[in-house]
Amino acid sequence: MVPLGRLPALPLARGSTRRRLLAAGAFAASPLPWPGLHTWRRAPPSDLRSWGPNGPCAPNTDKAGPPEAAAGVGHGSSLAEMGALVLSTADPLAKAHLTHAAFSRWAAGGLPVGLARAPDHPARPEKPLAVTQKEVPTHKAMGVPLNAYMLHNLAHVELNAIDLAWDTVVRFSPLRDTLGDGFFADFARVADDESRHFRWYSQRLAELGFRYGDMPVHNLLWRECAKSASDVSARMAVIPLVQNLNRKLEALMLDQD
C-alpha cells in the first residue's frame, strides 16, 4: 500500500468552480434532514393494508389473519420479543400480520423495547426457490407476464425488508440504553410500512393468478446484511447500499430481457 503522504495531490479547479466544489463537499458532509421525518414518526399505524379501485384502503376481511399469526398476536411481552416471533414465522402473510400487530401494540404504549435473541436466519416458507442472482430467470424464460414478474420481485424485496428491520430491533436490543427507544421505534415502523407494501403486492399477485413463492428469488439483500450482525454502525451503513444494489440488479434483469 502506498503511504498517504506519498500520494500526489488531486488537482482542484480555481475560481468559481473551486468554490462550487467546496460548497458541494460541505453539503455532502452535512446532509439536510428529511422534511417529513417528524410527520412520519407521529403518524398512527396505518390500517390501509389492502388496495382498492382508488388506492390503499382498509381490508374488509377478518382481522384475525392467518392461523399462524392469530396464534401469536397476544404473545410477546416486549417489542423485541414480538420481533423475534416475526422472524421465527415462516408464512409471509402471517409475518406481515404479526408485524402490524406488534407495531400497533408498541404505538399504543403497550410494549417496552425489552430484550430478545435474534435467530441466525429468518424463517421462510419452502417456496420460493432461492438461487444466486445470476441464476434468477427472466420473465420470458419462465413464461410469466412482466407485471407479475416485477410484482413478485417487489414482494420479495419487501419481505426481506420486514425481516431486516425486525432483525435490527431484536439483534441490537441489548444496546437499548445506548441507542434509545427512538431507534427501535423507527425500525418497528419501517417493518410495519414494509409489511403493508408486501400485502399490496401479494394482493395484486393473487388477482393476476400468482402468489409469492411461484418464482425463484435471490437472497442478496439478506446475505449481505447478515455480515453486519455484530456491528450496529455497519448495519446502518450497509442497508441503503445493498438496497440500492438490489434495485440496480432488478433494472439490469429488465434490460437483459
C-alpha atoms as a PDB file:
ATOM      1  CA  MET A   1       0.000   0.000   0.000  1.00  0.00           C
ATOM      2  CA  VAL A   2       1.299   3.498  -0.874  1.00  0.00           C
ATOM      3  CA  PRO A   3       1.643   5.706   2.238  1.00  0.00           C
ATOM      4  CA  LEU A   4      -0.891   8.503   2.243  1.00  0.00           C
ATOM      5  CA  GLY A   5       1.862  11.094   2.470  1.00  0.00           C
ATOM      6  CA  ARG A   6       3.280   9.971  -0.885  1.00  0.00           C
ATOM      7  CA  LEU A   7       0.040  10.204  -2.809  1.00  0.00           C
ATOM      8  CA  PRO A   8       0.003  13.067  -5.340  1.00  0.00           C
ATOM      9  CA  ALA A   9      -2.298  15.971  -4.588  1.00  0.00           C
ATOM     10  CA  LEU A  10      -5.533  15.998  -6.562  1.00  0.00           C
ATOM     11  CA  PRO A  11      -5.872  18.955  -8.932  1.00  0.00           C
ATOM     12  CA  LEU A  12      -8.560  21.387  -7.801  1.00  0.00           C
ATOM     13  CA  ALA A  13     -10.216  23.914 -10.066  1.00  0.00           C
ATOM     14  CA  ARG A  14      -9.753  27.600  -9.391  1.00  0.00           C
ATOM     15  CA  GLY A  15     -12.208  30.466  -9.032  1.00  0.00           C
ATOM     16  CA  SER A  16     -15.967  29.924  -9.049  1.00  0.00           C
ATOM     17  CA  THR A  17     -15.603  26.233  -9.950  1.00  0.00           C
ATOM     18  CA  ARG A  18     -13.429  25.702  -6.897  1.00  0.00           C
ATOM     19  CA  ARG A  19     -15.983  27.435  -4.656  1.00  0.00           C
ATOM     20  CA  ARG A  20     -18.809  25.276  -6.057  1.00  0.00           C
ATOM     21  CA  LEU A  21     -16.834  22.095  -5.428  1.00  0.00           C
ATOM     22  CA  LEU A  22     -16.055  23.097  -1.868  1.00  0.00           C
ATOM     23  CA  ALA A  23     -19.675  24.075  -1.252  1.00  0.00           C
ATOM     24  CA  ALA A  24     -20.886  20.749  -2.638  1.00  0.00           C
ATOM     25  CA  GLY A  25     -18.459  18.886  -0.396  1.00  0.00           C
ATOM     26  CA  ALA A  26     -19.661  20.766   2.673  1.00  0.00           C
ATOM     27  CA  PHE A  27     -23.282  19.979   1.784  1.00  0.00           C
ATOM     28  CA  ALA A  28     -22.499  16.262   1.357  1.00  0.00           C
ATOM     29  CA  ALA A  29     -20.779  16.208   4.753  1.00  0.00           C
ATOM     30  CA  SER A  30     -23.789  17.821   6.445  1.00  0.00           C
ATOM     31  CA  PRO A  31     -26.924  16.419   4.779  1.00  0.00           C
ATOM     32  CA  LEU A  32     -30.234  18.109   5.473  1.00  0.00           C
ATOM     33  CA  PRO A  33     -32.760  16.078   7.495  1.00  0.00           C
ATOM     34  CA  TRP A  34     -35.754  14.571   5.729  1.00  0.00           C
ATOM     35  CA  PRO A  35     -38.535  17.218   5.996  1.00  0.00           C
ATOM     36  CA  GLY A  36     -41.228  14.591   6.548  1.00  0.00           C
ATOM     37  CA  LEU A  37     -39.423  12.706   9.316  1.00  0.00           C
ATOM     38  CA  HIS A  38     -41.392  14.112  12.259  1.00  0.00           C
ATOM     39  CA  THR A  39     -44.710  13.638  10.477  1.00  0.00           C
ATOM     40  CA  TRP A  40     -43.786  10.042   9.690  1.00  0.00           C
ATOM     41  CA  ARG A  41     -42.816   9.347  13.282  1.00  0.00           C
ATOM     42  CA  ARG A  42     -46.023  10.852  14.685  1.00  0.00           C
ATOM     43  CA  ALA A  43     -48.369   9.040  12.306  1.00  0.00           C
ATOM     44  CA  PRO A  44     -50.517   6.262  13.847  1.00  0.00           C
ATOM     45  CA  PRO A  45     -50.259   2.719  12.470  1.00  0.00           C
ATOM     46  CA  SER A  46     -51.936   2.604   9.069  1.00  0.00           C
ATOM     47  CA  ASP A  47     -54.816   0.171   8.557  1.00  0.00           C
ATOM     48  CA  LEU A  48     -54.808   0.786   4.783  1.00  0.00           C
ATOM     49  CA  ARG A  49     -53.455  -2.670   4.107  1.00  0.00           C
ATOM     50  CA  SER A  50     -55.483  -3.549   1.026  1.00  0.00           C
ATOM     51  CA  TRP A  51     -55.537  -1.984  -2.434  1.00  0.00           C
ATOM     52  CA  GLY A  52     -58.877  -0.887  -3.842  1.00  0.00           C
ATOM     53  CA  PRO A  53     -60.027   0.836  -7.037  1.00  0.00           C
ATOM     54  CA  ASN A  54     -58.966   4.202  -5.630  1.00  0.00           C
ATOM     55  CA  GLY A  55     -55.726   3.100  -3.968  1.00  0.00           C
ATOM     56  CA  PRO A  56     -54.895   1.967  -0.410  1.00  0.00           C
ATOM     57  CA  CYS A  57     -57.885   1.031   1.747  1.00  0.00           C
ATOM     58  CA  ALA A  58     -58.731  -0.898   4.891  1.00  0.00           C
ATOM     59  CA  PRO A  59     -59.283  -4.625   4.365  1.00  0.00           C
ATOM     60  CA  ASN A  60     -62.847  -5.904   4.653  1.00  0.00           C
ATOM     61  CA  THR A  61     -61.759  -9.405   5.719  1.00  0.00           C
ATOM     62  CA  ASP A  62     -61.333 -10.976   9.134  1.00  0.00           C
ATOM     63  CA  LYS A  63     -58.647  -9.104  11.082  1.00  0.00           C
ATOM     64  CA  ALA A  64     -57.502 -12.310  12.766  1.00  0.00           C
ATOM     65  CA  GLY A  65     -55.228 -13.008   9.810  1.00  0.00           C
ATOM     66  CA  PRO A  66     -53.649 -16.386   9.002  1.00  0.00           C
ATOM     67  CA  PRO A  67     -53.877 -19.030  11.759  1.00  0.00           C
ATOM     68  CA  GLU A  68     -50.144 -18.824  12.403  1.00  0.00           C
ATOM     69  CA  ALA A  69     -50.465 -15.088  13.006  1.00  0.00           C
ATOM     70  CA  ALA A  70     -53.638 -15.307  15.078  1.00  0.00           C
ATOM     71  CA  ALA A  71     -51.939 -17.726  17.462  1.00  0.00           C
ATOM     72  CA  GLY A  72     -49.064 -15.315  18.122  1.00  0.00           C
ATOM     73  CA  VAL A  73     -50.715 -11.892  18.239  1.00  0.00           C
ATOM     74  CA  GLY A  74     -51.113 -11.893  22.023  1.00  0.00           C
ATOM     75  CA  HIS A  75     -47.681 -13.366  22.701  1.00  0.00           C
ATOM     76  CA  GLY A  76     -44.581 -11.375  23.444  1.00  0.00           C
ATOM     77  CA  SER A  77     -44.173  -9.021  26.377  1.00  0.00           C
ATOM     78  CA  SER A  78     -41.844  -6.604  24.571  1.00  0.00           C
ATOM     79  CA  LEU A  79     -41.151  -5.180  21.133  1.00  0.00           C
ATOM     80  CA  ALA A  80     -38.008  -7.312  20.847  1.00  0.00           C
ATOM     81  CA  GLU A  81     -39.917 -10.491  21.731  1.00  0.00           C
ATOM     82  CA  MET A  82     -42.584  -9.684  19.166  1.00  0.00           C
ATOM     83  CA  GLY A  83     -39.853  -9.059  16.610  1.00  0.00           C
ATOM     84  CA  ALA A  84     -38.287 -12.420  17.385  1.00  0.00           C
ATOM     85  CA  LEU A  85     -41.710 -14.018  16.870  1.00  0.00           C
ATOM     86  CA  VAL A  86     -41.992 -12.378  13.437  1.00  0.00           C
ATOM     87  CA  LEU A  87     -38.516 -13.605  12.498  1.00  0.00           C
ATOM     88  CA  SER A  88     -39.418 -17.166  13.513  1.00  0.00           C
ATOM     89  CA  THR A  89     -42.661 -17.107  11.472  1.00  0.00           C
ATOM     90  CA  ALA A  90     -42.283 -18.704   8.036  1.00  0.00           C
ATOM     91  CA  ASP A  91     -45.575 -17.783   6.373  1.00  0.00           C
ATOM     92  CA  PRO A  92     -45.081 -14.367   4.688  1.00  0.00           C
ATOM     93  CA  LEU A  93     -48.649 -13.128   5.180  1.00  0.00           C
ATOM     94  CA  ALA A  94     -48.579 -14.228   8.821  1.00  0.00           C
ATOM     95  CA  LYS A  95     -45.267 -12.407   9.171  1.00  0.00           C
ATOM     96  CA  ALA A  96     -46.882  -9.255   7.774  1.00  0.00           C
ATOM     97  CA  HIS A  97     -49.911  -9.585  10.059  1.00  0.00           C
ATOM     98  CA  LEU A  98     -47.772 -10.119  13.169  1.00  0.00           C
ATOM     99  CA  THR A  99     -45.650  -7.126  12.222  1.00  0.00           C
ATOM    100  CA  HIS A 100     -48.688  -4.861  12.142  1.00  0.00           C
ATOM    101  CA  ALA A 101     -49.955  -6.268  15.432  1.00  0.00           C
ATOM    102  CA  ALA A 102     -46.572  -5.753  17.084  1.00  0.00           C
ATOM    103  CA  PHE A 103     -46.173  -2.182  15.898  1.00  0.00           C
ATOM    104  CA  SER A 104     -49.771  -1.352  16.825  1.00  0.00           C
ATOM    105  CA  ARG A 105     -49.166  -2.604  20.365  1.00  0.00           C
ATOM    106  CA  TRP A 106     -45.952  -0.577  20.556  1.00  0.00           C
ATOM    107  CA  ALA A 107     -47.604   2.580  19.223  1.00  0.00           C
ATOM    108  CA  ALA A 108     -50.396   2.226  21.784  1.00  0.00           C
ATOM    109  CA  GLY A 109     -47.807   2.213  24.555  1.00  0.00           C
ATOM    110  CA  GLY A 110     -48.391  -1.401  25.434  1.00  0.00           C
ATOM    111  CA  LEU A 111     -44.837  -2.699  24.955  1.00  0.00           C
ATOM    112  CA  PRO A 112     -41.355  -1.821  26.213  1.00  0.00           C
ATOM    113  CA  VAL A 113     -38.364  -2.375  23.940  1.00  0.00           C
ATOM    114  CA  GLY A 114     -37.285  -5.351  26.024  1.00  0.00           C
ATOM    115  CA  LEU A 115     -34.660  -7.912  25.151  1.00  0.00           C
ATOM    116  CA  ALA A 116     -34.670 -10.935  22.840  1.00  0.00           C
ATOM    117  CA  ARG A 117     -32.327 -13.119  20.823  1.00  0.00           C
ATOM    118  CA  ALA A 118     -32.400 -12.962  17.044  1.00  0.00           C
ATOM    119  CA  PRO A 119     -32.233 -16.210  15.028  1.00  0.00           C
ATOM    120  CA  ASP A 120     -29.310 -16.684  12.663  1.00  0.00           C
ATOM    121  CA  HIS A 121     -31.714 -16.603   9.716  1.00  0.00           C
ATOM    122  CA  PRO A 122     -35.369 -15.592   9.463  1.00  0.00           C
ATOM    123  CA  ALA A 123     -37.856 -18.393   8.925  1.00  0.00           C
ATOM    124  CA  ARG A 124     -39.057 -18.705   5.345  1.00  0.00           C
ATOM    125  CA  PRO A 125     -41.561 -20.937   3.518  1.00  0.00           C
ATOM    126  CA  GLU A 126     -40.429 -23.836   1.306  1.00  0.00           C
ATOM    127  CA  LYS A 127     -41.085 -21.674  -1.734  1.00  0.00           C
ATOM    128  CA  PRO A 128     -39.814 -19.550  -3.415  1.00  0.00           C
ATOM    129  CA  LEU A 129     -36.668 -21.335  -4.530  1.00  0.00           C
ATOM    130  CA  ALA A 130     -33.603 -19.288  -3.574  1.00  0.00           C
ATOM    131  CA  VAL A 131     -30.833 -19.085  -6.185  1.00  0.00           C
ATOM    132  CA  THR A 132     -27.914 -16.782  -6.901  1.00  0.00           C
ATOM    133  CA  GLN A 133     -28.769 -13.502  -8.580  1.00  0.00           C
ATOM    134  CA  LYS A 134     -27.197 -14.757 -11.824  1.00  0.00           C
ATOM    135  CA  GLU A 135     -29.485 -17.795 -11.802  1.00  0.00           C
ATOM    136  CA  VAL A 136     -32.748 -15.849 -11.500  1.00  0.00           C
ATOM    137  CA  PRO A 137     -34.556 -16.474 -14.813  1.00  0.00           C
ATOM    138  CA  THR A 138     -36.182 -13.711 -16.814  1.00  0.00           C
ATOM    139  CA  HIS A 139     -39.945 -13.491 -17.116  1.00  0.00           C
ATOM    140  CA  LYS A 140     -39.716 -14.659 -20.730  1.00  0.00           C
ATOM    141  CA  ALA A 141     -37.746 -17.743 -19.722  1.00  0.00           C
ATOM    142  CA  MET A 142     -40.438 -18.596 -17.166  1.00  0.00           C
ATOM    143  CA  GLY A 143     -43.310 -17.685 -19.462  1.00  0.00           C
ATOM    144  CA  VAL A 144     -44.952 -15.311 -16.983  1.00  0.00           C
ATOM    145  CA  PRO A 145     -46.277 -11.772 -17.572  1.00  0.00           C
ATOM    146  CA  LEU A 146     -43.849  -8.964 -16.893  1.00  0.00           C
ATOM    147  CA  ASN A 147     -46.191  -7.265 -14.395  1.00  0.00           C
ATOM    148  CA  ALA A 148     -46.494 -10.432 -12.307  1.00  0.00           C
ATOM    149  CA  TYR A 149     -42.750 -10.972 -12.503  1.00  0.00           C
ATOM    150  CA  MET A 150     -41.993  -7.467 -11.239  1.00  0.00           C
ATOM    151  CA  LEU A 151     -44.635  -7.654  -8.517  1.00  0.00           C
ATOM    152  CA  HIS A 152     -43.102 -10.903  -7.289  1.00  0.00           C
ATOM    153  CA  ASN A 153     -39.654  -9.289  -7.204  1.00  0.00           C
ATOM    154  CA  LEU A 154     -41.034  -6.307  -5.292  1.00  0.00           C
ATOM    155  CA  ALA A 155     -42.821  -8.575  -2.816  1.00  0.00           C
ATOM    156  CA  HIS A 156     -39.526 -10.375  -2.192  1.00  0.00           C
ATOM    157  CA  VAL A 157     -37.747  -7.088  -1.542  1.00  0.00           C
ATOM    158  CA  GLU A 158     -40.460  -6.076   0.944  1.00  0.00           C
ATOM    159  CA  LEU A 159     -40.305  -9.427   2.736  1.00  0.00           C
ATOM    160  CA  ASN A 160     -36.550  -9.055   3.146  1.00  0.00           C
ATOM    161  CA  ALA A 161     -37.072  -5.514   4.410  1.00  0.00           C
ATOM    162  CA  ILE A 162     -39.543  -6.736   7.055  1.00  0.00           C
ATOM    163  CA  ASP A 163     -37.082  -9.308   8.338  1.00  0.00           C
ATOM    164  CA  LEU A 164     -34.154  -6.907   8.190  1.00  0.00           C
ATOM    165  CA  ALA A 165     -35.975  -4.238  10.207  1.00  0.00           C
ATOM    166  CA  TRP A 166     -37.022  -6.733  12.863  1.00  0.00           C
ATOM    167  CA  ASP A 167     -33.586  -8.319  12.957  1.00  0.00           C
ATOM    168  CA  THR A 168     -32.173  -4.860  13.685  1.00  0.00           C
ATOM    169  CA  VAL A 169     -34.670  -4.370  16.525  1.00  0.00           C
ATOM    170  CA  VAL A 170     -34.050  -7.781  18.063  1.00  0.00           C
ATOM    171  CA  ARG A 171     -30.333  -8.208  17.463  1.00  0.00           C
ATOM    172  CA  PHE A 172     -29.413  -4.824  18.893  1.00  0.00           C
ATOM    173  CA  SER A 173     -31.961  -4.797  21.729  1.00  0.00           C
ATOM    174  CA  PRO A 174     -29.120  -5.250  24.283  1.00  0.00           C
ATOM    175  CA  LEU A 175     -27.973  -1.753  23.216  1.00  0.00           C
ATOM    176  CA  ARG A 176     -31.263  -0.097  24.112  1.00  0.00           C
ATOM    177  CA  ASP A 177     -29.733   2.155  26.781  1.00  0.00           C
ATOM    178  CA  THR A 178     -27.182   3.393  24.243  1.00  0.00           C
ATOM    179  CA  LEU A 179     -29.380   3.661  21.143  1.00  0.00           C
ATOM    180  CA  GLY A 180     -32.559   4.886  22.837  1.00  0.00           C
ATOM    181  CA  ASP A 181     -36.182   3.896  22.301  1.00  0.00           C
ATOM    182  CA  GLY A 182     -36.469   6.067  19.191  1.00  0.00           C
ATOM    183  CA  PHE A 183     -34.034   3.862  17.285  1.00  0.00           C
ATOM    184  CA  PHE A 184     -36.210   0.800  17.834  1.00  0.00           C
ATOM    185  CA  ALA A 185     -39.436   2.692  17.232  1.00  0.00           C
ATOM    186  CA  ASP A 186     -38.166   3.824  13.826  1.00  0.00           C
ATOM    187  CA  PHE A 187     -37.248   0.306  12.738  1.00  0.00           C
ATOM    188  CA  ALA A 188     -40.520  -1.139  14.009  1.00  0.00           C
ATOM    189  CA  ARG A 189     -42.349   1.499  11.967  1.00  0.00           C
ATOM    190  CA  VAL A 190     -40.246   0.632   8.911  1.00  0.00           C
ATOM    191  CA  ALA A 191     -41.183  -3.029   9.366  1.00  0.00           C
ATOM    192  CA  ASP A 192     -44.859  -2.070   9.548  1.00  0.00           C
ATOM    193  CA  ASP A 193     -44.600   0.057   6.403  1.00  0.00           C
ATOM    194  CA  GLU A 194     -42.900  -2.777   4.527  1.00  0.00           C
ATOM    195  CA  SER A 195     -45.475  -5.310   5.731  1.00  0.00           C
ATOM    196  CA  ARG A 196     -48.220  -3.111   4.299  1.00  0.00           C
ATOM    197  CA  HIS A 197     -46.416  -2.933   0.964  1.00  0.00           C
ATOM    198  CA  PHE A 198     -45.988  -6.700   0.973  1.00  0.00           C
ATOM    199  CA  ARG A 199     -49.738  -7.090   1.477  1.00  0.00           C
ATOM    200  CA  TRP A 200     -50.430  -4.828  -1.506  1.00  0.00           C
ATOM    201  CA  TYR A 201     -48.093  -6.739  -3.818  1.00  0.00           C
ATOM    202  CA  SER A 202     -49.416 -10.093  -2.627  1.00  0.00           C
ATOM    203  CA  GLN A 203     -52.978  -8.992  -3.261  1.00  0.00           C
ATOM    204  CA  ARG A 204     -52.202  -7.865  -6.783  1.00  0.00           C
ATOM    205  CA  LEU A 205     -50.272 -11.065  -7.500  1.00  0.00           C
ATOM    206  CA  ALA A 206     -53.314 -13.078  -6.443  1.00  0.00           C
ATOM    207  CA  GLU A 207     -55.514 -11.003  -8.729  1.00  0.00           C
ATOM    208  CA  LEU A 208     -53.173 -11.925 -11.600  1.00  0.00           C
ATOM    209  CA  GLY A 209     -53.326 -15.619 -10.696  1.00  0.00           C
ATOM    210  CA  PHE A 210     -49.993 -15.883  -8.884  1.00  0.00           C
ATOM    211  CA  ARG A 211     -48.719 -15.903  -5.335  1.00  0.00           C
ATOM    212  CA  TYR A 212     -45.457 -15.116  -3.610  1.00  0.00           C
ATOM    213  CA  GLY A 213     -43.280 -18.200  -3.963  1.00  0.00           C
ATOM    214  CA  ASP A 214     -44.209 -19.007  -7.550  1.00  0.00           C
ATOM    215  CA  MET A 215     -40.924 -17.662  -8.951  1.00  0.00           C
ATOM    216  CA  PRO A 216     -37.264 -18.114  -7.967  1.00  0.00           C
ATOM    217  CA  VAL A 217     -35.606 -15.321  -5.986  1.00  0.00           C
ATOM    218  CA  HIS A 218     -32.133 -14.407  -4.775  1.00  0.00           C
ATOM    219  CA  ASN A 219     -31.056 -13.691  -1.204  1.00  0.00           C
ATOM    220  CA  LEU A 220     -28.522 -10.970  -1.927  1.00  0.00           C
ATOM    221  CA  LEU A 221     -30.080  -8.426   0.429  1.00  0.00           C
ATOM    222  CA  TRP A 222     -30.222 -10.714   3.448  1.00  0.00           C
ATOM    223  CA  ARG A 223     -26.855 -12.372   2.773  1.00  0.00           C
ATOM    224  CA  GLU A 224     -25.031  -9.061   2.655  1.00  0.00           C
ATOM    225  CA  CYS A 225     -26.820  -7.547   5.637  1.00  0.00           C
ATOM    226  CA  ALA A 226     -26.111 -10.642   7.724  1.00  0.00           C
ATOM    227  CA  LYS A 227     -22.455  -9.620   7.584  1.00  0.00           C
ATOM    228  CA  SER A 228     -23.292  -6.630   9.797  1.00  0.00           C
ATOM    229  CA  ALA A 229     -24.905  -8.729  12.536  1.00  0.00           C
ATOM    230  CA  SER A 230     -22.281  -7.815  15.131  1.00  0.00           C
ATOM    231  CA  ASP A 231     -21.927  -4.106  14.366  1.00  0.00           C
ATOM    232  CA  VAL A 232     -24.809  -1.655  14.516  1.00  0.00           C
ATOM    233  CA  SER A 233     -22.814   1.053  12.722  1.00  0.00           C
ATOM    234  CA  ALA A 234     -22.035  -1.326   9.868  1.00  0.00           C
ATOM    235  CA  ARG A 235     -25.709  -2.310   9.720  1.00  0.00           C
ATOM    236  CA  MET A 236     -26.740   1.327   9.324  1.00  0.00           C
ATOM    237  CA  ALA A 237     -24.224   1.758   6.501  1.00  0.00           C
ATOM    238  CA  VAL A 238     -24.867  -1.463   4.587  1.00  0.00           C
ATOM    239  CA  ILE A 239     -28.690  -1.337   4.418  1.00  0.00           C
ATOM    240  CA  PRO A 240     -29.002   1.522   1.888  1.00  0.00           C
ATOM    241  CA  LEU A 241     -26.009   0.277  -0.103  1.00  0.00           C
ATOM    242  CA  VAL A 242     -27.419  -3.222  -0.560  1.00  0.00           C
ATOM    243  CA  GLN A 243     -30.922  -1.935  -1.266  1.00  0.00           C
ATOM    244  CA  ASN A 244     -29.516   0.290  -3.997  1.00  0.00           C
ATOM    245  CA  LEU A 245     -27.573  -2.647  -5.437  1.00  0.00           C
ATOM    246  CA  ASN A 246     -30.733  -4.740  -5.431  1.00  0.00           C
ATOM    247  CA  ARG A 247     -32.592  -2.071  -7.421  1.00  0.00           C
ATOM    248  CA  LYS A 248     -29.748  -1.952  -9.955  1.00  0.00           C
ATOM    249  CA  LEU A 249     -29.828  -5.730 -10.346  1.00  0.00           C
ATOM    250  CA  GLU A 250     -33.572  -5.674 -10.967  1.00  0.00           C
ATOM    251  CA  ALA A 251     -33.109  -2.982 -13.624  1.00  0.00           C
ATOM    252  CA  LEU A 252     -30.310  -4.989 -15.239  1.00  0.00           C
ATOM    253  CA  MET A 253     -32.542  -8.046 -15.418  1.00  0.00           C
ATOM    254  CA  LEU A 254     -35.145  -5.983 -17.278  1.00  0.00           C
ATOM    255  CA  ASP A 255     -32.518  -4.586 -19.661  1.00  0.00           C
ATOM    256  CA  GLN A 256     -31.300  -8.098 -20.477  1.00  0.00           C
ATOM    257  CA  ASP A 257     -34.855  -9.210 -21.145  1.00  0.00           C
END
